[in-house]
Protein backbone atom coordinates (compact mmCIF):
# COMPACT_ATOMS: atom_id res chain seq x y z
CA MET A 1 -29.62 34.89 28.84
CA LYS A 2 -30.05 37.98 30.99
CA PHE A 3 -27.24 40.53 30.92
CA SER A 4 -26.76 40.27 34.69
CA THR A 5 -25.94 36.57 34.23
CA TYR A 6 -23.63 37.44 31.32
CA ARG A 7 -21.82 40.06 33.38
CA ASN A 8 -21.41 37.65 36.28
CA ILE A 9 -19.88 35.07 33.93
CA ILE A 10 -17.36 37.63 32.68
CA TYR A 11 -16.47 38.67 36.21
CA PHE A 12 -16.09 35.04 37.22
CA VAL A 13 -13.85 34.18 34.27
CA LEU A 14 -11.70 37.29 34.49
CA PHE A 15 -11.72 38.08 38.21
CA LEU A 16 -12.38 34.88 40.11
CA LEU A 17 -10.51 32.12 38.31
CA PRO A 18 -8.61 29.91 40.76
CA PHE A 19 -4.90 30.57 40.60
CA GLU A 20 -2.65 28.45 42.81
CA GLY A 21 -5.33 27.90 45.42
CA ALA A 22 -6.55 31.50 45.52
CA ALA A 23 -8.89 33.41 43.26
CA GLN A 24 -7.61 36.56 41.60
CA SER A 25 -9.30 39.86 40.75
CA THR A 26 -8.66 42.18 37.82
CA ASN A 27 -5.90 43.98 39.75
CA GLY A 28 -4.30 40.73 40.87
CA SER A 29 -5.67 40.62 44.42
CA ASN A 30 -7.11 37.46 45.89
CA THR A 31 -10.86 37.33 46.47
CA ASN A 32 -10.38 38.07 50.17
CA ALA A 33 -9.53 41.65 49.16
CA ILE A 34 -12.07 44.42 49.80
CA PRO A 35 -14.52 44.14 46.85
CA VAL A 36 -15.09 47.12 44.55
CA GLN A 37 -16.45 47.64 41.07
CA VAL A 38 -14.39 49.16 38.21
CA PRO A 39 -11.08 48.26 39.94
CA PHE A 40 -9.19 49.27 36.77
CA LEU A 41 -9.37 52.83 38.12
CA ASN A 42 -6.61 51.99 40.62
CA ILE A 43 -4.32 49.97 38.32
CA SER A 44 -0.99 51.69 37.71
CA PRO A 45 -1.11 52.69 34.03
CA ASP A 46 2.41 53.94 33.25
CA SER A 47 5.85 52.33 33.15
CA ARG A 48 7.83 54.77 35.29
CA SER A 49 5.83 54.30 38.48
CA GLY A 50 5.03 50.73 37.49
CA ALA A 51 8.78 50.03 37.79
CA MET A 52 8.96 51.57 41.28
CA GLY A 53 6.50 49.30 43.06
CA ASP A 54 3.52 51.39 41.90
CA ALA A 55 4.77 54.53 43.66
CA GLY A 56 4.20 57.91 42.06
CA VAL A 57 2.53 60.39 44.41
CA ALA A 58 5.66 62.38 45.31
CA ILE A 59 8.24 61.63 42.59
CA SER A 60 9.26 64.41 40.20
CA PRO A 61 6.40 65.72 38.05
CA ASP A 62 5.67 64.28 34.63
CA VAL A 63 2.55 64.14 32.48
CA ASN A 64 1.40 60.85 34.07
CA ALA A 65 0.79 62.81 37.25
CA ASN A 66 -2.76 62.96 35.87
CA PHE A 67 -3.14 59.53 37.51
CA TRP A 68 -0.78 59.65 40.50
CA ASN A 69 -1.09 63.18 41.80
CA PRO A 70 -2.64 65.74 39.41
CA SER A 71 -1.46 68.69 41.51
CA LYS A 72 2.11 67.96 40.33
CA LEU A 73 1.14 69.13 36.84
CA ALA A 74 1.58 72.72 38.03
CA PHE A 75 5.33 72.06 38.29
CA LEU A 76 5.85 70.69 34.78
CA GLU A 77 8.76 72.37 33.03
CA SER A 78 7.42 72.24 29.46
CA ASN A 79 4.35 74.00 28.11
CA ASP A 80 2.89 70.77 26.73
CA ALA A 81 3.39 67.10 27.49
CA LEU A 82 1.82 63.95 26.08
CA SER A 83 2.17 60.29 27.04
CA LEU A 84 0.79 56.98 25.78
CA SER A 85 1.07 53.78 27.85
CA TYR A 86 0.04 50.23 27.08
CA SER A 87 0.06 47.02 29.10
CA PRO A 88 -1.20 43.50 28.37
CA TRP A 89 -3.04 42.50 31.54
CA LEU A 90 -3.54 39.12 33.28
CA ARG A 91 -2.17 37.55 30.11
CA HIS A 92 -1.62 34.19 31.82
CA LEU A 93 -5.36 33.93 32.43
CA VAL A 94 -6.89 35.53 29.33
CA PRO A 95 -4.65 36.45 26.37
CA ASP A 96 -6.32 39.59 25.01
CA ILE A 97 -6.99 41.82 28.04
CA SER A 98 -5.16 45.16 27.99
CA LEU A 99 -4.95 48.55 29.68
CA SER A 100 -4.24 51.68 27.62
CA TYR A 101 -3.63 55.14 29.01
CA LEU A 102 -3.37 58.50 27.25
CA SER A 103 -2.32 61.55 29.27
CA TYR A 104 -1.90 65.22 28.27
CA ALA A 105 -1.02 68.46 30.07
CA HIS A 106 -0.88 72.10 28.98
CA LYS A 107 0.48 74.98 31.05
CA LEU A 108 -1.68 78.08 30.92
CA SER A 109 0.85 80.11 32.88
CA ASP A 110 3.64 79.67 35.38
CA ARG A 111 1.02 78.88 38.03
CA ASN A 112 -1.88 77.20 36.21
CA THR A 113 -1.98 73.92 34.28
CA LEU A 114 -4.72 71.92 32.60
CA GLY A 115 -4.59 68.15 32.32
CA ALA A 116 -6.65 65.48 30.57
CA SER A 117 -6.41 61.70 30.42
CA LEU A 118 -8.19 58.62 29.12
CA ARG A 119 -7.96 55.12 30.64
CA TYR A 120 -9.32 52.24 28.58
CA PHE A 121 -9.57 48.68 29.88
CA ASN A 122 -10.28 46.09 27.16
CA TYR A 123 -11.59 42.72 28.34
CA GLY A 124 -10.93 40.96 25.04
CA SER A 125 -13.29 39.32 22.60
CA ILE A 126 -16.13 37.22 24.02
CA PRO A 127 -17.75 34.69 21.61
CA LEU A 128 -21.55 34.86 21.73
CA THR A 129 -23.95 31.99 21.07
CA ASP A 130 -27.65 31.44 21.59
CA ILE A 131 -29.22 28.59 23.55
CA SER A 132 -28.89 26.39 20.43
CA ALA A 133 -25.14 27.11 20.22
CA ASN A 134 -25.57 29.17 17.06
CA ASP A 135 -22.80 31.67 16.51
CA LEU A 136 -23.86 35.25 17.27
CA GLY A 137 -20.45 36.80 16.64
CA THR A 138 -18.19 38.34 19.23
CA TYR A 139 -18.44 41.16 21.73
CA THR A 140 -15.74 43.17 23.48
CA PRO A 141 -16.73 44.38 26.95
CA ASN A 142 -14.76 47.37 28.14
CA GLU A 143 -14.44 50.05 30.79
CA PHE A 144 -13.03 53.55 30.46
CA SER A 145 -12.63 56.79 32.35
CA LEU A 146 -12.17 60.31 31.02
CA ASP A 147 -10.52 62.92 33.27
CA ALA A 148 -10.07 66.70 33.26
CA THR A 149 -7.74 68.40 35.77
CA PHE A 150 -6.91 71.91 36.90
CA ALA A 151 -3.71 72.34 38.92
CA ARG A 152 -2.46 75.56 40.47
CA LYS A 153 0.82 76.47 42.08
CA PHE A 154 0.78 78.43 45.36
CA GLY A 155 4.19 79.96 45.86
CA GLU A 156 7.30 78.08 44.79
CA ASN A 157 6.79 74.89 46.79
CA LEU A 158 3.08 74.02 46.98
CA SER A 159 0.40 73.09 44.46
CA LEU A 160 -3.19 71.83 44.61
CA GLY A 161 -5.22 69.94 42.02
CA LEU A 162 -8.86 69.18 41.27
CA THR A 163 -9.90 66.43 38.84
CA MET A 164 -13.32 65.64 37.39
CA ARG A 165 -13.92 62.09 36.11
CA TYR A 166 -16.52 60.30 34.00
CA ILE A 167 -16.58 56.48 34.24
CA ARG A 168 -18.32 53.99 31.98
CA SER A 169 -18.35 50.23 32.53
CA ASN A 170 -19.94 48.40 29.62
CA PHE A 171 -20.70 44.68 29.77
CA SER A 172 -24.02 44.99 27.96
CA ASN A 173 -24.72 43.73 24.45
CA ILE A 174 -28.15 44.43 22.93
CA ALA A 175 -28.12 41.48 20.56
CA PHE A 176 -27.09 39.17 23.36
CA SER A 177 -29.66 40.40 25.87
CA GLN A 178 -32.72 40.52 23.60
CA GLY A 179 -35.57 38.71 25.21
CA SER A 180 -34.43 39.68 28.70
CA SER A 181 -36.11 42.23 30.93
CA GLN A 182 -34.07 44.99 29.21
CA THR A 183 -33.34 46.54 32.58
CA ASP A 184 -29.64 45.78 32.29
CA LYS A 185 -27.35 48.54 31.10
CA ALA A 186 -23.82 49.88 31.07
CA GLY A 187 -22.71 51.38 34.36
CA ASN A 188 -22.04 55.12 34.49
CA ALA A 189 -20.58 57.20 37.29
CA ALA A 190 -18.89 60.52 38.02
CA ALA A 191 -16.13 61.21 40.51
CA VAL A 192 -13.62 63.83 41.66
CA ASP A 193 -10.03 63.76 42.90
CA VAL A 194 -8.38 66.31 45.18
CA SER A 195 -4.59 66.38 45.42
CA LEU A 196 -1.67 68.18 47.01
CA TYR A 197 2.05 68.36 46.26
CA TYR A 198 4.77 70.00 48.33
CA LYS A 199 8.49 70.15 47.61
CA LYS A 200 11.34 71.59 49.64
CA PRO A 201 14.94 71.98 48.43
CA TYR A 202 17.61 71.50 51.08
CA GLY A 203 21.35 71.13 51.35
CA SER A 204 23.50 71.87 48.35
CA ASP A 205 21.28 70.29 45.69
CA ASN A 206 18.76 67.92 47.28
CA LEU A 207 14.97 67.86 47.27
CA PHE A 208 12.30 66.46 49.59
CA ALA A 209 8.76 66.07 48.27
CA PHE A 210 5.42 65.05 49.76
CA GLY A 211 2.10 64.31 48.06
CA VAL A 212 -1.50 63.32 48.75
CA ASN A 213 -4.18 62.22 46.30
CA VAL A 214 -7.75 61.35 47.30
CA SER A 215 -9.36 59.84 44.22
CA ASN A 216 -12.62 58.39 42.90
CA ILE A 217 -14.91 60.19 45.33
CA GLY A 218 -18.21 60.07 43.53
CA THR A 219 -21.49 58.41 42.77
CA LYS A 220 -22.12 54.70 43.12
CA ILE A 221 -22.33 52.63 39.95
CA SER A 222 -25.20 50.37 38.91
CA TYR A 223 -25.68 47.92 36.02
CA SER A 224 -29.46 47.71 36.22
CA ASP A 225 -32.44 50.01 36.50
CA VAL A 226 -33.73 47.97 39.42
CA GLY A 227 -30.56 46.35 40.79
CA PRO A 228 -28.10 47.41 43.49
CA SER A 229 -25.51 50.17 43.33
CA TYR A 230 -21.85 49.58 44.11
CA PHE A 231 -19.07 51.70 45.59
CA LEU A 232 -16.39 53.09 43.31
CA PRO A 233 -12.80 52.30 44.43
CA ALA A 234 -12.37 55.55 46.37
CA ASN A 235 -8.75 55.71 47.37
CA LEU A 236 -6.21 57.58 49.49
CA LYS A 237 -2.58 57.80 48.38
CA ILE A 238 0.11 59.42 50.52
CA GLY A 239 3.72 59.54 49.41
CA ALA A 240 7.12 61.03 50.12
CA ALA A 241 10.27 61.14 48.01
CA ASN A 242 13.82 62.35 48.47
CA THR A 243 16.18 63.18 45.60
CA TRP A 244 19.96 63.51 45.83
CA ASN A 245 22.01 65.09 43.04
CA PHE A 246 25.48 63.67 43.65
CA ASP A 247 27.10 65.51 40.74
CA GLU A 248 26.24 66.76 37.27
CA THR A 249 25.54 63.27 35.97
CA SER A 250 24.16 61.22 38.87
CA GLN A 251 20.75 61.57 40.50
CA LEU A 252 19.01 59.18 42.91
CA THR A 253 15.41 59.28 44.13
CA VAL A 254 14.00 57.07 46.88
CA THR A 255 10.24 57.08 47.44
CA LEU A 256 7.50 55.43 49.51
CA ASP A 257 3.75 55.43 48.86
CA LEU A 258 1.03 54.35 51.28
CA ASN A 259 -2.34 53.42 49.80
CA LYS A 260 -5.76 52.72 51.36
CA LEU A 261 -9.16 52.07 49.85
CA LEU A 262 -11.84 54.40 51.24
CA VAL A 263 -14.69 51.92 51.04
CA PRO A 264 -16.40 49.92 53.80
CA THR A 265 -14.81 46.61 54.74
CA ASN A 266 -17.96 44.80 55.88
CA ARG A 267 -20.34 44.04 53.02
CA ASP A 268 -22.26 41.10 51.67
CA SER A 269 -20.70 38.79 49.09
CA SER A 270 -21.84 41.02 46.21
CA GLY A 271 -20.14 44.08 47.68
CA VAL A 272 -23.36 45.93 48.46
CA ILE A 273 -24.35 48.04 51.45
CA SER A 274 -27.65 49.55 50.42
CA ASP A 275 -28.08 51.89 53.38
CA VAL A 276 -24.60 53.49 53.45
CA SER A 277 -23.91 56.69 51.53
CA VAL A 278 -20.59 57.44 49.86
CA PRO A 279 -19.48 59.99 52.52
CA SER A 280 -20.47 57.61 55.31
CA GLY A 281 -18.65 54.80 53.56
CA ILE A 282 -15.44 56.85 53.42
CA PHE A 283 -15.47 57.56 57.16
CA ARG A 284 -16.59 54.02 57.93
CA SER A 285 -13.59 52.62 56.00
CA PHE A 286 -11.26 53.76 58.81
CA THR A 287 -13.12 52.02 61.63
CA ASP A 288 -15.09 49.01 60.40
CA ALA A 289 -12.48 46.26 60.02
CA PRO A 290 -13.63 43.22 62.07
CA GLY A 291 -10.21 42.93 63.73
CA GLY A 292 -10.14 46.54 64.88
CA PHE A 293 -7.24 48.96 64.45
CA LYS A 294 -4.74 46.17 63.82
CA GLU A 295 -6.74 44.97 60.83
CA GLU A 296 -7.26 48.54 59.60
CA LEU A 297 -3.48 48.83 59.32
CA LYS A 298 -3.45 45.70 57.16
CA GLU A 299 -5.62 47.52 54.62
CA ILE A 300 -2.71 49.85 53.84
CA THR A 301 -0.46 48.77 50.98
CA LEU A 302 3.21 49.79 50.83
CA SER A 303 5.14 50.78 47.71
CA PRO A 304 8.85 51.56 48.22
CA GLY A 305 10.80 52.41 45.08
CA ALA A 306 13.99 53.93 43.72
CA GLU A 307 15.08 55.65 40.52
CA TYR A 308 18.62 56.42 39.34
CA TRP A 309 19.30 58.79 36.44
CA TYR A 310 22.62 59.01 34.63
CA ASN A 311 23.19 62.28 32.82
CA GLN A 312 19.38 62.73 32.62
CA GLN A 313 19.42 60.36 29.65
CA PHE A 314 19.26 56.85 31.09
CA ALA A 315 17.32 55.64 34.15
CA VAL A 316 17.12 52.37 36.06
CA ARG A 317 14.28 51.73 38.49
CA ALA A 318 13.19 49.15 41.04
CA GLY A 319 10.47 48.80 43.65
CA TYR A 320 8.34 46.44 45.67
CA PHE A 321 4.59 46.24 46.26
CA TYR A 322 3.32 44.80 49.53
CA GLU A 323 -0.27 43.95 50.46
CA ALA A 324 -1.30 41.95 53.53
CA GLN A 325 -2.29 38.37 52.73
CA SER A 326 -5.65 38.80 54.43
CA LYS A 327 -6.42 41.85 52.25
CA GLY A 328 -5.52 40.55 48.82
CA GLY A 329 -1.99 39.21 49.10
CA ARG A 330 -0.32 41.03 46.20
CA ARG A 331 3.45 41.03 46.70
CA TYR A 332 5.85 41.55 43.84
CA LEU A 333 9.13 43.08 42.73
CA THR A 334 9.15 45.59 39.90
CA LEU A 335 12.01 46.61 37.62
CA GLY A 336 12.36 49.03 34.74
CA VAL A 337 14.44 51.33 32.60
CA GLY A 338 13.95 54.73 31.01
CA MET A 339 15.63 56.51 28.14
CA LYS A 340 15.44 60.14 27.09
CA TYR A 341 16.30 61.50 23.66
CA ASP A 342 15.62 65.12 22.77
CA ILE A 343 11.93 65.71 23.64
CA PHE A 344 11.05 62.00 23.89
CA ASN A 345 11.04 59.57 26.81
CA PHE A 346 10.66 55.81 26.53
CA ASP A 347 9.95 53.82 29.69
CA PHE A 348 9.60 50.09 30.23
CA SER A 349 8.68 48.10 33.34
CA TYR A 350 8.53 44.44 34.29
CA LEU A 351 6.66 42.85 37.18
CA ALA A 352 8.65 39.96 38.66
CA ALA A 353 6.44 37.52 40.56
CA SER A 354 5.97 33.78 40.75
CA GLN A 355 3.66 32.59 37.99
CA GLN A 356 2.31 29.99 40.42
CA ASN A 357 1.37 32.62 43.02
CA SER A 358 0.36 35.71 41.08
CA ALA A 359 -1.76 36.34 38.00
CA LEU A 360 0.28 39.52 37.50
CA ALA A 361 3.55 37.62 36.95
CA ASN A 362 5.61 38.91 34.02
CA THR A 363 3.35 41.92 33.46
CA LEU A 364 4.93 44.37 31.00
CA ARG A 365 4.23 48.08 30.63
CA PHE A 366 5.37 50.38 27.83
CA SER A 367 5.22 54.19 27.86
CA LEU A 368 6.21 56.76 25.26
CA SER A 369 6.03 60.45 26.17
CA ALA A 370 7.03 63.79 24.70
CA SER A 371 7.54 67.25 26.17
CA PHE A 372 7.26 70.12 23.71
CA GLY A 373 6.21 73.73 23.26
CA GLY A 374 9.15 75.25 25.17
CA THR A 375 8.80 76.39 28.77
CA THR A 376 6.41 78.88 30.29
CA ASN A 377 8.04 82.10 31.41
CA VAL A 378 5.36 84.52 32.46
CA SER A 379 4.80 86.64 35.49
CA LYS A 380 3.22 84.83 38.44
CA ARG A 381 -0.48 85.43 38.91
């Protein structure tokens, strides 16, 4: 069997299985969503933001800003921070799919910070057989991305970030594809993110923050030497957050993220537009919806969320994710808690949705992070 057929079977089983009258993709959207390859790049990997409706662009900086808004890394308080997150994914459809995320940051100075992260999406074990049904063992298709970030603070309130990304999407198996044309291969791509973070204290002890992250701007990805190339899930996130410190023990943050894919709406069923470049596709994504401006607005997802800290040791979080029915139809409530002890943080989130309506129902995320190395206290450069 040719690899292209094998890959299509995997995508059909994992992405397009009927679920209460509507097919679902790897990020939980229905098949009427805008199609992209490697959609794992836009799945929320950590528990803190996962508990706030997938909002994280403008909330207070932590090491998982590598995903949400890398420019926030410049405002980390500790010299070093490390986080590991894990989530079983679409477990009601396939039991052994998972998303893992490792994130690290190191402050070079008061102004400059380096970040690095690894996202790994495991599609589970696939049993392989030949045309005679002989057992050929198992294979585990996977996708991953490796990021490197530089963030710099400009003054006391503004920072900018630049991220470089390598992406690999591997559904190929040599033993399985022997006898085929051998033109099939793992997909490889490179991309960049540019990000901005601005914060402004006001009143007695309150803080307003604003953030922007434009991510996955890069090459197209192809799974064949002679086949088509596909758009990466280029994405625009804009967010705002406000934090109130009521007293020495109580802190409340309310946030809202807006999210839009920067890929063309009108494509064929395979998601291909052969004559459109990546820059053209980005600009086209704002004007090509068949229903005009009204439909363009439907391509924006909303993520309101809230976080309450007691004594900076215990947090409760809640949020809601909204996507128009005609653009994927994901709608769910998220809940979570966080606990801090010494240098460690443990965060947990739960996605509350109807199991009959959403493949993401009862999704769990777990995150463990640590901040260490003291704090940077050097002259500003």
